[in-house]
Protein backbone atom coordinates (compact mmCIF):
# COMPACT_ATOMS: atom_id res chain seq x y z
CA MET A 1 10.04 19.67 -100.76
CA ILE A 2 10.91 17.64 -98.32
CA GLY A 3 12.83 15.34 -100.02
CA ALA A 4 14.91 17.80 -101.70
CA VAL A 5 16.06 18.63 -97.73
CA ARG A 6 16.38 15.01 -97.01
CA GLN A 7 18.79 14.59 -99.96
CA ALA A 8 20.91 17.36 -99.08
CA ILE A 9 20.73 16.71 -95.00
CA GLY A 10 20.83 12.67 -95.37
CA GLY A 11 17.97 11.23 -94.21
CA GLY A 12 15.52 10.34 -91.15
CA LEU A 13 16.44 13.28 -89.12
CA VAL A 14 14.50 15.93 -91.24
CA LEU A 15 11.08 14.50 -91.15
CA ALA A 16 11.60 14.55 -87.40
CA LEU A 17 13.07 18.12 -87.74
CA ALA A 18 10.47 19.16 -89.21
CA ILE A 19 7.52 17.70 -87.06
CA GLY A 20 9.50 18.79 -83.98
CA GLY A 21 9.68 22.15 -84.96
CA ALA A 22 6.11 22.48 -86.36
CA ALA A 23 5.02 20.54 -82.99
CA GLY A 24 6.59 23.44 -80.99
CA ALA A 25 9.44 20.83 -79.14
CA HIS A 26 9.97 22.34 -75.82
CA ALA A 27 11.68 21.03 -72.57
CA ALA A 28 8.34 20.57 -70.98
CA MET A 29 7.34 17.91 -73.26
CA LEU A 30 10.04 15.68 -71.63
CA GLN A 31 9.91 16.96 -67.81
CA GLY A 32 8.49 14.65 -65.36
CA SER A 33 7.89 11.80 -67.47
CA GLU A 34 9.15 8.30 -66.50
CA TRP A 35 11.08 6.78 -70.14
CA LYS A 36 11.69 3.09 -70.86
CA PRO A 37 14.47 2.19 -72.86
CA LEU A 38 13.22 0.29 -76.17
CA LEU A 39 16.28 0.49 -77.94
CA ILE A 40 19.82 1.13 -77.55
CA ASP A 41 21.75 1.70 -81.01
CA GLY A 42 18.90 -0.49 -82.56
CA GLU A 43 19.58 -3.29 -79.61
CA PRO A 44 16.44 -4.42 -77.76
CA VAL A 45 16.14 -3.60 -74.02
CA PRO A 46 14.72 -6.39 -71.97
CA VAL A 47 11.24 -5.73 -71.29
CA GLU A 48 12.69 -6.80 -67.17
CA THR A 49 15.43 -4.39 -66.80
CA GLY A 50 13.75 -2.06 -65.05
CA ALA A 51 15.64 0.60 -67.08
CA PHE A 52 14.34 3.80 -67.26
CA VAL A 53 15.46 7.53 -67.62
CA GLN A 54 13.57 10.56 -66.37
CA PHE A 55 13.62 14.62 -67.39
CA ARG A 56 13.52 16.35 -64.14
CA SER A 57 12.92 20.01 -63.96
CA LYS A 58 15.50 22.36 -64.22
CA GLY A 59 17.79 20.24 -66.11
CA ARG A 60 18.44 17.53 -64.21
CA LEU A 61 18.36 13.80 -65.51
CA GLU A 62 17.90 10.46 -63.55
CA GLY A 63 17.71 7.27 -64.14
CA TYR A 64 18.34 3.49 -63.99
CA SER A 65 19.92 1.23 -66.07
CA GLY A 66 18.79 -1.98 -64.85
CA CYS A 67 21.90 -1.98 -62.31
CA ASN A 68 23.43 1.15 -61.20
CA ARG A 69 21.21 4.67 -60.79
CA LEU A 70 21.98 7.38 -63.36
CA VAL A 71 22.34 11.03 -63.07
CA SER A 72 23.51 13.69 -65.33
CA GLU A 73 21.64 17.51 -66.38
CA TYR A 74 20.32 18.11 -69.87
CA GLU A 75 19.59 21.33 -71.87
CA THR A 76 17.53 21.89 -74.45
CA HIS A 77 16.19 24.24 -77.03
CA GLY A 78 13.77 23.57 -79.58
CA ASN A 79 14.10 19.74 -80.71
CA GLN A 80 18.12 20.11 -79.35
CA ILE A 81 19.32 18.30 -76.96
CA LEU A 82 22.07 18.10 -74.68
CA ILE A 83 23.26 15.33 -71.90
CA GLY A 84 25.96 14.58 -69.56
CA PRO A 85 28.43 13.92 -68.70
CA VAL A 86 26.12 10.93 -67.20
CA ALA A 87 27.39 9.42 -64.08
CA ALA A 88 26.79 5.88 -62.22
CA THR A 89 26.85 4.47 -59.07
CA ARG A 90 29.44 1.93 -58.70
CA ARG A 91 27.61 -1.72 -58.60
CA ALA A 92 28.96 -4.37 -60.07
CA CYS A 93 26.65 -6.43 -62.09
CA VAL A 94 27.02 -9.49 -64.91
CA ASP A 95 28.78 -8.47 -67.94
CA THR A 96 25.54 -7.95 -70.18
CA VAL A 97 23.88 -6.07 -68.10
CA MET A 98 27.07 -3.52 -67.65
CA GLN A 99 27.71 -3.28 -71.52
CA ARG A 100 23.80 -2.00 -71.58
CA GLU A 101 24.41 0.20 -68.72
CA ALA A 102 27.46 1.63 -71.13
CA ALA A 103 25.41 1.49 -74.26
CA LEU A 104 22.79 3.56 -72.40
CA ALA A 105 25.06 6.34 -70.67
CA THR A 106 26.68 6.53 -74.28
CA ALA A 107 23.75 7.33 -76.36
CA LEU A 108 22.47 9.56 -73.76
CA GLU A 109 25.74 11.64 -74.28
CA GLN A 110 25.68 11.19 -77.83
CA ALA A 111 22.39 12.56 -78.02
CA ARG A 112 21.84 15.60 -79.95
CA THR A 113 18.30 15.78 -81.24
CA TRP A 114 15.04 14.35 -80.16
CA TYR A 115 11.80 13.66 -81.28
CA ARG A 116 8.48 13.06 -79.28
CA GLU A 117 5.08 11.48 -80.70
CA ARG A 118 2.47 10.74 -77.98
CA THR A 119 4.62 8.21 -75.85
CA ARG A 120 7.20 7.39 -77.63
CA LEU A 121 10.25 9.42 -77.77
CA VAL A 122 13.23 9.08 -79.91
CA LEU A 123 17.00 10.59 -79.41
CA PHE A 124 19.69 10.98 -82.57
CA ASP A 125 22.95 11.51 -82.78
CA ALA A 126 25.02 14.19 -84.24
CA GLY A 127 24.41 12.69 -87.53
CA GLY A 128 21.01 12.69 -87.69
CA VAL A 129 21.19 8.26 -86.51
CA PRO A 130 18.68 7.31 -84.75
CA ILE A 131 20.66 5.88 -81.24
CA LEU A 132 17.84 5.69 -78.76
CA GLU A 133 13.92 5.08 -78.47
CA LEU A 134 12.05 5.32 -75.50
CA ARG A 135 8.59 4.36 -74.29
CA GLN A 136 6.67 6.96 -71.59
CA THR A 137 5.85 4.64 -68.87
CA ASP A 138 3.24 7.01 -66.71
CA TRP A 139 0.79 9.76 -67.57
CA ASP A 140 1.94 12.88 -66.17
């Protein structure tokens, strides 16, 4: 049955939706913890960036891109998520860091579904493509 559904919808999102729904995905599964970006659109994020995202209560998102502080609002319904727009402080950094910051903000704003397995969180775009993979760095 999963194979038929996967063909109908078209890919890896199906398994994430099935597991996410079965696990009873809730905003509380995201709230309070700090998440370190590992991959943005398939590109590794260097460990030394110090970048993080935190889903706070009342739909508040805060983070750090490695250059600037990020803030936004988010809303979840089951495993669906809407984030944005993402605002950032205006500190200038080297081009590669600014490009990574823009990619992180874009990935957050394009996220439409999410899947969490223990300390791993993956955000998917509207087409079901994984666009941001994060790892929980605290144990709240």
